[in-house]
Protein backbone atom coordinates (compact mmCIF):
# COMPACT_ATOMS: atom_id res chain seq x y z
CA MET A 1 6.38 -22.58 0.83
CA ASP A 2 4.03 -22.14 3.81
CA MET A 3 3.75 -19.02 5.96
CA SER A 4 6.01 -20.43 8.69
CA SER A 5 8.73 -20.87 6.07
CA VAL A 6 8.15 -17.36 4.72
CA ALA A 7 8.80 -16.00 8.21
CA THR A 8 12.35 -17.40 8.08
CA LEU A 9 13.29 -15.65 4.83
CA SER A 10 15.88 -12.87 4.81
CA PRO A 11 14.87 -9.34 3.77
CA ARG A 12 16.48 -9.93 0.36
CA GLU A 13 14.59 -13.20 -0.09
CA LEU A 14 11.34 -11.54 0.95
CA ASP A 15 11.98 -8.87 -1.68
CA VAL A 16 12.50 -11.52 -4.38
CA ARG A 17 9.31 -13.30 -3.29
CA ALA A 18 7.36 -10.04 -3.43
CA ARG A 19 8.69 -9.32 -6.93
CA ILE A 20 7.58 -12.76 -8.08
CA VAL A 21 4.05 -12.08 -6.82
CA GLU A 22 3.98 -8.58 -8.33
CA THR A 23 5.17 -9.91 -11.67
CA ALA A 24 2.66 -12.77 -11.59
CA GLU A 25 -0.15 -10.30 -10.85
CA ALA A 26 0.85 -8.12 -13.80
CA LEU A 27 0.87 -11.14 -16.10
CA PHE A 28 -2.45 -12.35 -14.70
CA ARG A 29 -3.97 -8.95 -15.49
CA ASP A 30 -2.49 -9.03 -19.00
CA ILE A 31 -3.00 -12.60 -20.23
CA GLY A 32 -4.97 -14.28 -17.44
CA TYR A 33 -3.96 -16.45 -14.51
CA GLN A 34 -4.68 -19.75 -16.31
CA LYS A 35 -2.54 -18.88 -19.33
CA THR A 36 0.35 -17.56 -17.24
CA THR A 37 3.01 -20.20 -16.56
CA VAL A 38 5.86 -20.27 -14.08
CA ALA A 39 8.18 -20.04 -17.08
CA ASP A 40 6.45 -16.79 -18.11
CA ILE A 41 6.95 -15.36 -14.64
CA ALA A 42 10.60 -16.44 -14.54
CA LYS A 43 11.25 -14.97 -18.00
CA ALA A 44 9.75 -11.62 -17.03
CA LEU A 45 12.01 -11.55 -13.97
CA LYS A 46 15.06 -12.78 -15.92
CA MET A 47 15.49 -15.73 -13.62
CA SER A 48 15.13 -19.48 -13.97
CA PRO A 49 11.88 -21.34 -13.20
CA ALA A 50 13.87 -23.30 -10.61
CA ASN A 51 14.55 -20.04 -8.75
CA VAL A 52 10.81 -19.24 -8.71
CA TYR A 53 10.17 -22.68 -7.25
CA ARG A 54 12.56 -21.85 -4.39
CA PHE A 55 9.88 -19.48 -3.14
CA PHE A 56 6.68 -21.18 -4.33
CA ASP A 57 6.22 -24.92 -4.47
CA SER A 58 3.60 -24.76 -7.25
CA LYS A 59 1.78 -22.46 -9.64
CA LYS A 60 -1.24 -22.85 -7.34
CA SER A 61 0.78 -21.26 -4.52
CA ILE A 62 1.52 -18.28 -6.74
CA ASN A 63 -2.16 -18.03 -7.67
CA GLU A 64 -3.06 -17.91 -3.98
CA ALA A 65 -0.38 -15.29 -3.24
CA VAL A 66 -1.76 -13.05 -5.97
CA ALA A 67 -5.32 -13.62 -4.73
CA GLU A 68 -4.14 -12.63 -1.25
CA ARG A 69 -2.77 -9.33 -2.64
CA VAL A 70 -6.11 -8.59 -4.32
CA THR A 71 -8.25 -9.51 -1.32
CA ALA A 72 -5.91 -7.71 1.10
CA ALA A 73 -6.47 -4.52 -0.87
CA VAL A 74 -10.24 -4.95 -0.41
CA ARG A 75 -9.82 -5.50 3.33
CA ALA A 76 -7.57 -2.44 3.57
CA ARG A 77 -10.32 -0.28 2.04
CA MET A 78 -12.86 -1.79 4.42
CA THR A 79 -10.59 -1.32 7.45
CA ALA A 80 -10.11 2.37 6.67
CA ILE A 81 -13.89 2.79 6.62
CA ALA A 82 -14.38 0.73 9.79
CA ARG A 83 -11.87 2.85 11.74
CA ALA A 84 -13.29 6.23 10.68
CA ASP A 85 -14.66 8.48 13.41
CA ARG A 86 -18.27 8.34 12.25
CA PRO A 87 -21.54 6.74 13.41
CA ALA A 88 -21.50 2.95 13.13
CA GLY A 89 -24.52 2.95 10.83
CA GLU A 90 -22.75 5.18 8.32
CA ARG A 91 -19.64 3.03 8.45
CA LEU A 92 -21.61 -0.19 7.99
CA ARG A 93 -23.46 1.26 5.00
CA ASP A 94 -20.18 2.31 3.40
CA LEU A 95 -18.57 -1.05 4.14
CA LEU A 96 -21.31 -2.90 2.28
CA ARG A 97 -21.22 -0.48 -0.65
CA THR A 98 -17.45 -0.88 -0.83
CA MET A 99 -17.66 -4.68 -0.86
CA ASN A 100 -19.93 -4.44 -3.90
CA ALA A 101 -17.87 -1.70 -5.56
CA CYS A 102 -14.65 -3.70 -5.32
CA MET A 103 -16.19 -6.67 -7.16
CA CYS A 104 -17.87 -4.46 -9.74
CA GLU A 105 -14.59 -2.65 -10.41
CA LEU A 106 -12.89 -5.99 -11.08
CA GLY A 107 -15.67 -7.01 -13.43
CA VAL A 108 -15.56 -3.78 -15.45
CA SER A 109 -11.85 -2.93 -15.67
CA GLU A 110 -10.02 -6.09 -14.64
CA ALA A 111 -11.82 -8.92 -16.42
CA LYS A 112 -8.89 -11.35 -16.31
CA MET A 113 -8.29 -10.73 -12.61
CA HIS A 114 -12.03 -11.03 -12.05
CA ASP A 115 -11.83 -14.53 -13.55
CA MET A 116 -9.20 -15.52 -10.99
CA VAL A 117 -11.18 -14.14 -8.06
CA GLU A 118 -14.31 -15.91 -9.28
CA ALA A 119 -12.40 -19.20 -9.57
CA ALA A 120 -10.90 -18.69 -6.12
CA MET A 121 -14.37 -18.22 -4.62
CA ASN A 122 -15.99 -21.05 -6.58
CA GLU A 123 -13.16 -23.46 -5.73
CA ASN A 124 -12.94 -22.30 -2.11
CA TRP A 125 -9.22 -21.49 -2.11
CA GLY A 126 -7.71 -21.18 1.36
CA VAL A 127 -6.97 -17.51 0.80
CA ILE A 128 -10.66 -16.86 0.17
CA ARG A 129 -11.65 -18.57 3.41
CA ALA A 130 -9.15 -16.34 5.21
CA HIS A 131 -10.52 -13.28 3.41
CA ILE A 132 -14.07 -14.13 4.45
CA ASP A 133 -12.91 -14.48 8.06
CA GLY A 134 -11.23 -11.08 7.79
CA VAL A 135 -14.34 -9.46 6.33
CA ASP A 136 -16.46 -10.99 9.10
CA GLN A 137 -14.08 -9.54 11.72
CA ILE A 138 -14.27 -6.07 10.19
CA ILE A 139 -18.07 -6.08 10.01
CA THR A 140 -18.36 -7.60 13.48
CA GLY A 141 -16.16 -4.83 14.86
CA VAL A 142 -18.40 -2.12 13.42
CA VAL A 143 -21.51 -3.86 14.76
CA ALA A 144 -19.86 -4.07 18.19
CA ASP A 145 -19.13 -0.34 18.00
CA GLY A 146 -22.78 0.27 17.13
CA VAL A 147 -23.93 -1.76 20.12
CA ALA A 148 -21.56 0.13 22.42
CA LEU A 149 -22.82 3.46 21.04
CA GLY A 150 -26.47 2.44 21.40
CA GLU A 151 -27.09 2.47 17.63
CA PHE A 152 -27.46 -1.28 17.22
CA ASP A 153 -29.14 -4.05 19.14
CA ALA A 154 -27.58 -7.32 17.98
CA ASP A 155 -25.03 -9.95 18.94
CA PRO A 156 -21.97 -8.79 16.95
CA LYS A 157 -20.51 -12.30 16.63
CA ILE A 158 -23.71 -13.53 15.00
CA ALA A 159 -24.61 -10.35 13.14
CA GLY A 160 -21.21 -9.94 11.43
CA PRO A 161 -21.25 -13.21 9.46
CA CYS A 162 -25.00 -12.91 8.85
CA ILE A 163 -24.58 -9.45 7.32
CA ARG A 164 -21.75 -10.64 5.08
CA ALA A 165 -23.80 -13.67 3.98
CA SER A 166 -26.86 -11.50 3.26
CA MET A 167 -24.78 -9.46 0.78
CA ILE A 168 -23.56 -12.41 -1.29
CA ARG A 169 -25.68 -11.45 -4.31
CA PHE A 170 -23.77 -8.17 -4.46
CA CYS A 171 -20.32 -9.49 -3.58
CA HIS A 172 -19.83 -12.84 -5.35
CA PRO A 173 -18.62 -12.40 -8.96
CA ALA A 174 -20.70 -15.25 -10.43
CA ILE A 175 -23.87 -14.25 -8.58
CA ILE A 176 -23.49 -10.58 -9.51
CA ALA A 177 -23.43 -11.66 -13.17
CA GLN A 178 -26.33 -14.09 -12.79
CA CYS A 179 -28.54 -11.52 -11.07
CA HIS A 180 -27.58 -8.59 -13.26
CA ASP A 181 -31.07 -8.25 -14.75
CA MET A 182 -32.98 -9.06 -11.56
CA PRO A 183 -34.81 -5.86 -10.60
CA LEU A 184 -35.14 -6.32 -6.83
CA PRO A 185 -33.73 -5.86 -4.36
CA THR A 186 -31.38 -3.08 -5.36
CA LEU A 187 -28.08 -2.68 -3.54
CA ASP A 188 -29.42 0.25 -1.52
CA GLN A 189 -32.59 -1.65 -0.59
CA GLN A 190 -30.55 -4.63 0.62
CA ILE A 191 -28.26 -2.40 2.69
CA GLU A 192 -31.20 -0.57 4.27
CA PHE A 193 -32.78 -3.94 5.11
CA VAL A 194 -29.54 -5.02 6.82
CA LEU A 195 -29.31 -1.79 8.79
CA ALA A 196 -32.94 -2.08 9.89
CA ALA A 197 -32.22 -5.59 11.17
CA VAL A 198 -29.54 -4.41 13.59
CA ARG A 199 -30.76 -0.94 14.58
CA THR A 200 -31.93 -0.34 18.12
CA ARG A 201 -35.71 -0.15 18.26
């Protein structure tokens, strides 16, 4: 079911769809997204697999819906920081720290969900591409605020994606693990380097 079809669902149908995603997420956290089947989800909801397939045309679609819930929560945290009434530099610093913290939290306390997010990024799921676009928009907005306030001297449309890309070591699950023992740069050093690149001189 694509997003245009979702828009035509009744409130009751939207509620059922949301419960399917919530149940799938709980199972993913418990036994892992690869081991969870549509039959498992249907059983937990006391409905038939056929009813689940009324709302999702494949297990992959459910995977993406759960990934969207997880990434949307990250963007919500970032948006709250971006909209705060504080200097742009402070907000940008906190945004970058939060991006790292969200991935580290998954790795420490949500190992099975971390596996799904890592697979989504490695396999370039559509929901991850949309998430990256959303992150770029949030960062770009803060850079634009900084330019307007005289804090930054950079083209926001270029700086936003560049800043996000420069933080990949601290925000991609696989790369975080691979670079765990690499001494430099530290997260704070990388963030200060990014801030120095956009500050007004």
